[in-house]
Each structure stands twice: as C-alpha cells, then as structure tokens.
Amino acid sequence: EAFVTDLAGYGLVCTTVLIEVDTDGSLATSRRWMHPRWFG
C-alpha cells in the first residue's frame, strides 16, 4: 500500500514491477511482472 501511495503522490502508477525475494541474505528468486492496467 505504501508503494502504490508513494507513486500516486508523484502522479504515477506502476505497470511493470520487478519482485525480488531473499532467503538467508541472498537473492532466491526474481521475476518481472506486467499488468494490463496498473498495479494496486
């Protein structure tokens, strides 16, 4: 929710997001996601 609100504060929405997940202090999985409109 803070991620979406910060973007909206600058008049922006996110249509492509990179999600990274760490386990044991190192990157375990990373994937790029797209949305037909914008991410809530």
All heavy atoms as atom14 arrays in JSON, in Angstrom:
{
  "sequence": "EAFVTDLAGYGLVCTTVLIEVDTDGSLATSRRWMHPRWFG",
  "atom14_mask": [
    [1, 1, 1, 1, 1, 1, 1, 1, 1, 0, 0, 0, 0, 0],
    [1, 1, 1, 1, 1, 0, 0, 0, 0, 0, 0, 0, 0, 0],
    [1, 1, 1, 1, 1, 1, 1, 1, 1, 1, 1, 0, 0, 0],
    [1, 1, 1, 1, 1, 1, 1, 0, 0, 0, 0, 0, 0, 0],
    [1, 1, 1, 1, 1, 1, 1, 0, 0, 0, 0, 0, 0, 0],
    [1, 1, 1, 1, 1, 1, 1, 1, 0, 0, 0, 0, 0, 0],
    [1, 1, 1, 1, 1, 1, 1, 1, 0, 0, 0, 0, 0, 0],
    [1, 1, 1, 1, 1, 0, 0, 0, 0, 0, 0, 0, 0, 0],
    [1, 1, 1, 1, 0, 0, 0, 0, 0, 0, 0, 0, 0, 0],
    [1, 1, 1, 1, 1, 1, 1, 1, 1, 1, 1, 1, 0, 0],
    [1, 1, 1, 1, 0, 0, 0, 0, 0, 0, 0, 0, 0, 0],
    [1, 1, 1, 1, 1, 1, 1, 1, 0, 0, 0, 0, 0, 0],
    [1, 1, 1, 1, 1, 1, 1, 0, 0, 0, 0, 0, 0, 0],
    [1, 1, 1, 1, 1, 1, 0, 0, 0, 0, 0, 0, 0, 0],
    [1, 1, 1, 1, 1, 1, 1, 0, 0, 0, 0, 0, 0, 0],
    [1, 1, 1, 1, 1, 1, 1, 0, 0, 0, 0, 0, 0, 0],
    [1, 1, 1, 1, 1, 1, 1, 0, 0, 0, 0, 0, 0, 0],
    [1, 1, 1, 1, 1, 1, 1, 1, 0, 0, 0, 0, 0, 0],
    [1, 1, 1, 1, 1, 1, 1, 1, 0, 0, 0, 0, 0, 0],
    [1, 1, 1, 1, 1, 1, 1, 1, 1, 0, 0, 0, 0, 0],
    [1, 1, 1, 1, 1, 1, 1, 0, 0, 0, 0, 0, 0, 0],
    [1, 1, 1, 1, 1, 1, 1, 1, 0, 0, 0, 0, 0, 0],
    [1, 1, 1, 1, 1, 1, 1, 0, 0, 0, 0, 0, 0, 0],
    [1, 1, 1, 1, 1, 1, 1, 1, 0, 0, 0, 0, 0, 0],
    [1, 1, 1, 1, 0, 0, 0, 0, 0, 0, 0, 0, 0, 0],
    [1, 1, 1, 1, 1, 1, 0, 0, 0, 0, 0, 0, 0, 0],
    [1, 1, 1, 1, 1, 1, 1, 1, 0, 0, 0, 0, 0, 0],
    [1, 1, 1, 1, 1, 0, 0, 0, 0, 0, 0, 0, 0, 0],
    [1, 1, 1, 1, 1, 1, 1, 0, 0, 0, 0, 0, 0, 0],
    [1, 1, 1, 1, 1, 1, 0, 0, 0, 0, 0, 0, 0, 0],
    [1, 1, 1, 1, 1, 1, 1, 1, 1, 1, 1, 0, 0, 0],
    [1, 1, 1, 1, 1, 1, 1, 1, 1, 1, 1, 0, 0, 0],
    [1, 1, 1, 1, 1, 1, 1, 1, 1, 1, 1, 1, 1, 1],
    [1, 1, 1, 1, 1, 1, 1, 1, 0, 0, 0, 0, 0, 0],
    [1, 1, 1, 1, 1, 1, 1, 1, 1, 1, 0, 0, 0, 0],
    [1, 1, 1, 1, 1, 1, 1, 0, 0, 0, 0, 0, 0, 0],
    [1, 1, 1, 1, 1, 1, 1, 1, 1, 1, 1, 0, 0, 0],
    [1, 1, 1, 1, 1, 1, 1, 1, 1, 1, 1, 1, 1, 1],
    [1, 1, 1, 1, 1, 1, 1, 1, 1, 1, 1, 0, 0, 0],
    [1, 1, 1, 1, 0, 0, 0, 0, 0, 0, 0, 0, 0, 0]
  ],
  "atom14_positions": [
    [[0.82, -1.21, 0.0], [0.0, 0.0, 0.0], [0.86, 1.26, 0.0], [0.55, 2.24, -0.7], [-0.93, -0.01, 1.22], [-2.02, -1.09, 1.15], [-2.82, -1.17, 2.42], [-2.41, -0.54, 3.43], [-3.88, -1.86, 2.42], [0.0, 0.0, 0.0], [0.0, 0.0, 0.0], [0.0, 0.0, 0.0], [0.0, 0.0, 0.0], [0.0, 0.0, 0.0]],
    [[1.95, 1.26, 0.75], [2.85, 2.41, 0.76], [3.52, 2.58, -0.61], [3.73, 3.71, -1.07], [3.91, 2.24, 1.85], [0.0, 0.0, 0.0], [0.0, 0.0, 0.0], [0.0, 0.0, 0.0], [0.0, 0.0, 0.0], [0.0, 0.0, 0.0], [0.0, 0.0, 0.0], [0.0, 0.0, 0.0], [0.0, 0.0, 0.0], [0.0, 0.0, 0.0]],
    [[3.85, 1.47, -1.26], [4.45, 1.51, -2.59], [3.52, 2.2, -3.59], [3.94, 3.09, -4.34], [4.74, 0.06, -3.02], [5.29, -0.09, -4.41], [6.64, 0.06, -4.67], [4.45, -0.4, -5.47], [7.14, -0.09, -5.95], [4.94, -0.55, -6.76], [6.3, -0.4, -6.99], [0.0, 0.0, 0.0], [0.0, 0.0, 0.0], [0.0, 0.0, 0.0]],
    [[2.26, 1.83, -3.59], [1.29, 2.42, -4.51], [1.04, 3.88, -4.15], [0.94, 4.75, -5.03], [-0.02, 1.61, -4.49], [-1.08, 2.28, -5.35], [0.23, 0.19, -4.98], [0.0, 0.0, 0.0], [0.0, 0.0, 0.0], [0.0, 0.0, 0.0], [0.0, 0.0, 0.0], [0.0, 0.0, 0.0], [0.0, 0.0, 0.0], [0.0, 0.0, 0.0]],
    [[0.96, 4.19, -2.85], [0.69, 5.57, -2.42], [1.83, 6.5, -2.78], [1.61, 7.65, -3.21], [0.44, 5.59, -0.9], [-0.67, 4.72, -0.59], [0.11, 7.0, -0.43], [0.0, 0.0, 0.0], [0.0, 0.0, 0.0], [0.0, 0.0, 0.0], [0.0, 0.0, 0.0], [0.0, 0.0, 0.0], [0.0, 0.0, 0.0], [0.0, 0.0, 0.0]],
    [[3.07, 6.06, -2.6], [4.22, 6.9, -2.95], [4.23, 7.24, -4.44], [4.52, 8.38, -4.83], [5.52, 6.2, -2.57], [5.7, 6.1, -1.05], [4.99, 6.82, -0.33], [6.55, 5.3, -0.61], [0.0, 0.0, 0.0], [0.0, 0.0, 0.0], [0.0, 0.0, 0.0], [0.0, 0.0, 0.0], [0.0, 0.0, 0.0], [0.0, 0.0, 0.0]],
    [[3.92, 6.27, -5.28], [3.86, 6.54, -6.71], [2.73, 7.52, -7.03], [2.9, 8.45, -7.82], [3.65, 5.24, -7.49], [4.86, 4.3, -7.6], [4.43, 2.96, -8.16], [5.92, 4.91, -8.5], [0.0, 0.0, 0.0], [0.0, 0.0, 0.0], [0.0, 0.0, 0.0], [0.0, 0.0, 0.0], [0.0, 0.0, 0.0], [0.0, 0.0, 0.0]],
    [[1.58, 7.32, -6.4], [0.44, 8.21, -6.66], [0.75, 9.64, -6.22], [0.24, 10.59, -6.81], [-0.8, 7.68, -5.94], [0.0, 0.0, 0.0], [0.0, 0.0, 0.0], [0.0, 0.0, 0.0], [0.0, 0.0, 0.0], [0.0, 0.0, 0.0], [0.0, 0.0, 0.0], [0.0, 0.0, 0.0], [0.0, 0.0, 0.0], [0.0, 0.0, 0.0]],
    [[1.58, 9.8, -5.2], [1.94, 11.13, -4.75], [2.69, 11.92, -5.8], [2.67, 13.16, -5.8], [0.0, 0.0, 0.0], [0.0, 0.0, 0.0], [0.0, 0.0, 0.0], [0.0, 0.0, 0.0], [0.0, 0.0, 0.0], [0.0, 0.0, 0.0], [0.0, 0.0, 0.0], [0.0, 0.0, 0.0], [0.0, 0.0, 0.0], [0.0, 0.0, 0.0]],
    [[3.34, 11.22, -6.73], [4.03, 11.88, -7.84], [3.23, 11.77, -9.14], [3.76, 12.04, -10.22], [5.41, 11.26, -8.05], [6.42, 11.67, -7.0], [6.53, 10.98, -5.8], [7.25, 12.77, -7.2], [7.46, 11.36, -4.83], [8.18, 13.16, -6.25], [8.27, 12.45, -5.06], [9.19, 12.83, -4.1], [0.0, 0.0, 0.0], [0.0, 0.0, 0.0]],
    [[1.97, 11.38, -9.03], [1.13, 11.28, -10.22], [1.5, 10.13, -11.12], [1.35, 10.22, -12.34], [0.0, 0.0, 0.0], [0.0, 0.0, 0.0], [0.0, 0.0, 0.0], [0.0, 0.0, 0.0], [0.0, 0.0, 0.0], [0.0, 0.0, 0.0], [0.0, 0.0, 0.0], [0.0, 0.0, 0.0], [0.0, 0.0, 0.0], [0.0, 0.0, 0.0]],
    [[1.99, 9.01, -10.55], [2.46, 7.88, -11.33], [1.75, 6.6, -10.91], [1.26, 6.49, -9.78], [3.97, 7.69, -11.17], [4.88, 8.84, -11.61], [6.32, 8.54, -11.21], [4.79, 9.08, -13.11], [0.0, 0.0, 0.0], [0.0, 0.0, 0.0], [0.0, 0.0, 0.0], [0.0, 0.0, 0.0], [0.0, 0.0, 0.0], [0.0, 0.0, 0.0]],
    [[1.71, 5.64, -11.8], [1.28, 4.28, -11.49], [2.32, 3.34, -12.08], [3.03, 3.68, -13.03], [-0.11, 3.97, -12.08], [-1.18, 4.77, -11.37], [-0.14, 4.22, -13.58], [0.0, 0.0, 0.0], [0.0, 0.0, 0.0], [0.0, 0.0, 0.0], [0.0, 0.0, 0.0], [0.0, 0.0, 0.0], [0.0, 0.0, 0.0], [0.0, 0.0, 0.0]],
    [[2.42, 2.16, -11.52], [3.4, 1.16, -11.95], [2.7, 0.14, -12.85], [1.69, -0.46, -12.44], [4.03, 0.47, -10.75], [5.25, -0.8, -11.18], [0.0, 0.0, 0.0], [0.0, 0.0, 0.0], [0.0, 0.0, 0.0], [0.0, 0.0, 0.0], [0.0, 0.0, 0.0], [0.0, 0.0, 0.0], [0.0, 0.0, 0.0], [0.0, 0.0, 0.0]],
    [[3.24, -0.07, -14.04], [2.69, -1.07, -14.96], [3.6, -2.28, -15.11], [3.16, -3.3, -15.62], [2.45, -0.45, -16.34], [3.68, 0.08, -16.85], [1.42, 0.68, -16.26], [0.0, 0.0, 0.0], [0.0, 0.0, 0.0], [0.0, 0.0, 0.0], [0.0, 0.0, 0.0], [0.0, 0.0, 0.0], [0.0, 0.0, 0.0], [0.0, 0.0, 0.0]],
    [[4.86, -2.16, -14.69], [5.79, -3.3, -14.7], [6.6, -3.25, -13.42], [7.21, -2.21, -13.12], [6.74, -3.25, -15.91], [5.96, -3.23, -17.11], [7.65, -4.46, -15.93], [0.0, 0.0, 0.0], [0.0, 0.0, 0.0], [0.0, 0.0, 0.0], [0.0, 0.0, 0.0], [0.0, 0.0, 0.0], [0.0, 0.0, 0.0], [0.0, 0.0, 0.0]],
    [[6.61, -4.33, -12.68], [7.31, -4.36, -11.39], [8.22, -5.57, -11.36], [7.9, -6.64, -11.89], [6.3, -4.4, -10.22], [5.47, -5.67, -10.25], [7.01, -4.24, -8.89], [0.0, 0.0, 0.0], [0.0, 0.0, 0.0], [0.0, 0.0, 0.0], [0.0, 0.0, 0.0], [0.0, 0.0, 0.0], [0.0, 0.0, 0.0], [0.0, 0.0, 0.0]],
    [[9.38, -5.39, -10.76], [10.33, -6.48, -10.52], [10.24, -6.86, -9.05], [10.42, -6.02, -8.17], [11.74, -6.05, -10.88], [12.85, -7.08, -10.62], [12.69, -8.27, -11.55], [14.23, -6.45, -10.8], [0.0, 0.0, 0.0], [0.0, 0.0, 0.0], [0.0, 0.0, 0.0], [0.0, 0.0, 0.0], [0.0, 0.0, 0.0], [0.0, 0.0, 0.0]],
    [[9.93, -8.12, -8.78], [9.8, -8.62, -7.41], [10.97, -9.53, -7.11], [11.19, -10.52, -7.82], [8.47, -9.36, -7.21], [7.29, -8.4, -7.46], [8.39, -9.95, -5.81], [5.93, -9.05, -7.32], [0.0, 0.0, 0.0], [0.0, 0.0, 0.0], [0.0, 0.0, 0.0], [0.0, 0.0, 0.0], [0.0, 0.0, 0.0], [0.0, 0.0, 0.0]],
    [[11.72, -9.18, -6.08], [12.87, -9.97, -5.65], [12.61, -10.51, -4.24], [12.1, -9.78, -3.39], [14.15, -9.13, -5.66], [14.55, -8.66, -7.05], [15.83, -7.84, -7.03], [16.22, -7.41, -5.91], [16.43, -7.63, -8.1], [0.0, 0.0, 0.0], [0.0, 0.0, 0.0], [0.0, 0.0, 0.0], [0.0, 0.0, 0.0], [0.0, 0.0, 0.0]],
    [[12.98, -11.75, -4.03], [12.79, -12.42, -2.74], [14.14, -12.94, -2.27], [14.84, -13.63, -3.03], [11.77, -13.56, -2.85], [11.61, -14.26, -1.51], [10.42, -13.03, -3.34], [0.0, 0.0, 0.0], [0.0, 0.0, 0.0], [0.0, 0.0, 0.0], [0.0, 0.0, 0.0], [0.0, 0.0, 0.0], [0.0, 0.0, 0.0], [0.0, 0.0, 0.0]],
    [[14.5, -12.61, -1.03], [15.77, -13.05, -0.45], [15.52, -14.13, 0.59], [14.55, -14.08, 1.36], [16.49, -11.88, 0.23], [17.02, -10.87, -0.78], [16.96, -11.18, -1.98], [17.48, -9.8, -0.37], [0.0, 0.0, 0.0], [0.0, 0.0, 0.0], [0.0, 0.0, 0.0], [0.0, 0.0, 0.0], [0.0, 0.0, 0.0], [0.0, 0.0, 0.0]],
    [[16.42, -15.1, 0.6], [16.46, -16.11, 1.66], [17.9, -16.23, 2.13], [18.83, -16.23, 1.32], [15.97, -17.48, 1.15], [16.8, -17.92, 0.09], [14.52, -17.39, 0.68], [0.0, 0.0, 0.0], [0.0, 0.0, 0.0], [0.0, 0.0, 0.0], [0.0, 0.0, 0.0], [0.0, 0.0, 0.0], [0.0, 0.0, 0.0], [0.0, 0.0, 0.0]],
    [[18.08, -16.28, 3.44], [19.42, -16.4, 4.04], [20.35, -15.28, 3.56], [21.55, -15.48, 3.33], [20.05, -17.76, 3.71], [19.29, -18.91, 4.36], [18.65, -18.66, 5.4], [19.32, -20.03, 3.82], [0.0, 0.0, 0.0], [0.0, 0.0, 0.0], [0.0, 0.0, 0.0], [0.0, 0.0, 0.0], [0.0, 0.0, 0.0], [0.0, 0.0, 0.0]],
    [[19.77, -14.09, 3.35], [20.58, -12.94, 2.99], [21.02, -12.86, 1.55], [21.8, -11.97, 1.19], [0.0, 0.0, 0.0], [0.0, 0.0, 0.0], [0.0, 0.0, 0.0], [0.0, 0.0, 0.0], [0.0, 0.0, 0.0], [0.0, 0.0, 0.0], [0.0, 0.0, 0.0], [0.0, 0.0, 0.0], [0.0, 0.0, 0.0], [0.0, 0.0, 0.0]],
    [[20.53, -13.74, 0.66], [20.91, -13.71, -0.75], [19.66, -13.85, -1.6], [18.62, -14.34, -1.16], [21.9, -14.83, -1.07], [21.32, -16.1, -0.8], [0.0, 0.0, 0.0], [0.0, 0.0, 0.0], [0.0, 0.0, 0.0], [0.0, 0.0, 0.0], [0.0, 0.0, 0.0], [0.0, 0.0, 0.0], [0.0, 0.0, 0.0], [0.0, 0.0, 0.0]],
    [[19.77, -13.41, -2.86], [18.62, -13.43, -3.77], [18.25, -14.86, -4.11], [19.07, -15.64, -4.59], [18.97, -12.65, -5.05], [17.86, -12.55, -6.09], [16.67, -11.75, -5.55], [18.4, -11.89, -7.36], [0.0, 0.0, 0.0], [0.0, 0.0, 0.0], [0.0, 0.0, 0.0], [0.0, 0.0, 0.0], [0.0, 0.0, 0.0], [0.0, 0.0, 0.0]],
    [[16.97, -15.2, -3.88], [16.49, -16.55, -4.15], [15.67, -16.62, -5.42], [15.77, -17.58, -6.18], [15.66, -17.06, -2.98], [0.0, 0.0, 0.0], [0.0, 0.0, 0.0], [0.0, 0.0, 0.0], [0.0, 0.0, 0.0], [0.0, 0.0, 0.0], [0.0, 0.0, 0.0], [0.0, 0.0, 0.0], [0.0, 0.0, 0.0], [0.0, 0.0, 0.0]],
    [[14.84, -15.62, -5.67], [14.02, -15.61, -6.87], [13.75, -14.17, -7.27], [13.62, -13.28, -6.43], [12.68, -16.36, -6.64], [11.87, -16.23, -7.82], [11.93, -15.79, -5.46], [0.0, 0.0, 0.0], [0.0, 0.0, 0.0], [0.0, 0.0, 0.0], [0.0, 0.0, 0.0], [0.0, 0.0, 0.0], [0.0, 0.0, 0.0], [0.0, 0.0, 0.0]],
    [[13.69, -13.96, -8.58], [13.44, -12.63, -9.14], [12.59, -12.81, -10.38], [12.88, -13.66, -11.23], [14.75, -11.92, -9.47], [14.5, -10.69, -10.12], [0.0, 0.0, 0.0], [0.0, 0.0, 0.0], [0.0, 0.0, 0.0], [0.0, 0.0, 0.0], [0.0, 0.0, 0.0], [0.0, 0.0, 0.0], [0.0, 0.0, 0.0], [0.0, 0.0, 0.0]],
    [[11.54, -11.98, -10.49], [10.67, -12.09, -11.66], [10.06, -10.73, -11.99], [9.74, -9.96, -11.09], [9.56, -13.11, -11.43], [8.61, -13.23, -12.61], [7.77, -14.47, -12.58], [6.87, -14.52, -13.71], [6.08, -15.55, -14.01], [6.11, -16.63, -13.25], [5.27, -15.51, -15.05], [0.0, 0.0, 0.0], [0.0, 0.0, 0.0], [0.0, 0.0, 0.0]],
    [[9.93, -10.47, -13.28], [9.32, -9.23, -13.77], [7.86, -9.5, -14.1], [7.54, -10.42, -14.85], [10.07, -8.73, -15.0], [9.57, -7.42, -15.56], [10.42, -6.97, -16.74], [11.79, -6.64, -16.31], [12.83, -7.42, -16.46], [12.69, -8.61, -17.03], [14.03, -7.05, -16.06], [0.0, 0.0, 0.0], [0.0, 0.0, 0.0], [0.0, 0.0, 0.0]],
    [[6.98, -8.7, -13.52], [5.54, -8.84, -13.73], [5.0, -7.61, -14.43], [5.42, -6.49, -14.15], [4.82, -9.03, -12.39], [5.22, -10.24, -11.62], [6.24, -10.35, -10.72], [4.61, -11.54, -11.68], [6.31, -11.63, -10.22], [5.3, -12.38, -10.79], [3.53, -12.07, -12.39], [4.96, -13.71, -10.59], [3.19, -13.4, -12.19], [3.9, -14.2, -11.3]],
    [[4.03, -7.82, -15.33], [3.36, -6.72, -16.01], [1.86, -6.78, -15.72], [1.32, -7.82, -15.34], [3.61, -6.79, -17.51], [5.06, -6.67, -17.9], [5.28, -6.66, -19.68], [6.64, -7.82, -19.81], [0.0, 0.0, 0.0], [0.0, 0.0, 0.0], [0.0, 0.0, 0.0], [0.0, 0.0, 0.0], [0.0, 0.0, 0.0], [0.0, 0.0, 0.0]],
    [[1.2, -5.65, -15.92], [-0.23, -5.55, -15.63], [-0.92, -4.91, -16.82], [-0.37, -3.97, -17.42], [-0.46, -4.71, -14.36], [-1.82, -4.89, -13.76], [-2.94, -4.26, -14.27], [-2.25, -5.63, -12.71], [-3.99, -4.61, -13.54], [-3.61, -5.43, -12.6], [0.0, 0.0, 0.0], [0.0, 0.0, 0.0], [0.0, 0.0, 0.0], [0.0, 0.0, 0.0]],
    [[-2.13, -5.37, -17.19], [-2.82, -4.74, -18.33], [-3.2, -3.3, -18.07], [-3.37, -2.52, -19.02], [-4.05, -5.62, -18.52], [-4.26, -6.31, -17.21], [-2.89, -6.49, -16.63], [0.0, 0.0, 0.0], [0.0, 0.0, 0.0], [0.0, 0.0, 0.0], [0.0, 0.0, 0.0], [0.0, 0.0, 0.0], [0.0, 0.0, 0.0], [0.0, 0.0, 0.0]],
    [[-3.37, -2.91, -16.78], [-3.66, -1.51, -16.46], [-2.55, -0.97, -15.57], [-1.59, -0.39, -16.03], [-5.03, -1.4, -15.78], [-6.19, -1.88, -16.66], [-7.52, -1.54, -16.04], [-7.73, -0.1, -16.06], [-8.52, 0.52, -15.18], [-9.12, -0.17, -14.23], [-8.69, 1.82, -15.25], [0.0, 0.0, 0.0], [0.0, 0.0, 0.0], [0.0, 0.0, 0.0]],
    [[-2.67, -1.15, -14.26], [-1.63, -0.75, -13.32], [-1.81, -1.53, -12.03], [-2.88, -2.03, -11.72], [-1.64, 0.76, -13.08], [-2.97, 1.34, -12.7], [-3.96, 1.76, -13.55], [-3.47, 1.55, -11.38], [-5.04, 2.22, -12.85], [-4.77, 2.11, -11.51], [-2.97, 1.33, -10.1], [-5.56, 2.45, -10.42], [-3.76, 1.67, -9.01], [-5.02, 2.22, -9.18]],
    [[-0.72, -1.62, -11.27], [-0.7, -2.45, -10.06], [-1.31, -1.69, -8.89], [-0.9, -0.57, -8.57], [0.74, -2.86, -9.71], [1.27, -3.97, -10.54], [2.17, -3.72, -11.57], [0.87, -5.28, -10.32], [2.67, -4.75, -12.34], [1.37, -6.31, -11.08], [2.26, -6.05, -12.1], [0.0, 0.0, 0.0], [0.0, 0.0, 0.0], [0.0, 0.0, 0.0]],
    [[-2.26, -2.35, -8.23], [-2.72, -1.92, -6.92], [-2.07, -2.78, -5.85], [-1.32, -3.71, -6.14], [0.0, 0.0, 0.0], [0.0, 0.0, 0.0], [0.0, 0.0, 0.0], [0.0, 0.0, 0.0], [0.0, 0.0, 0.0], [0.0, 0.0, 0.0], [0.0, 0.0, 0.0], [0.0, 0.0, 0.0], [0.0, 0.0, 0.0], [0.0, 0.0, 0.0]]
  ]
}
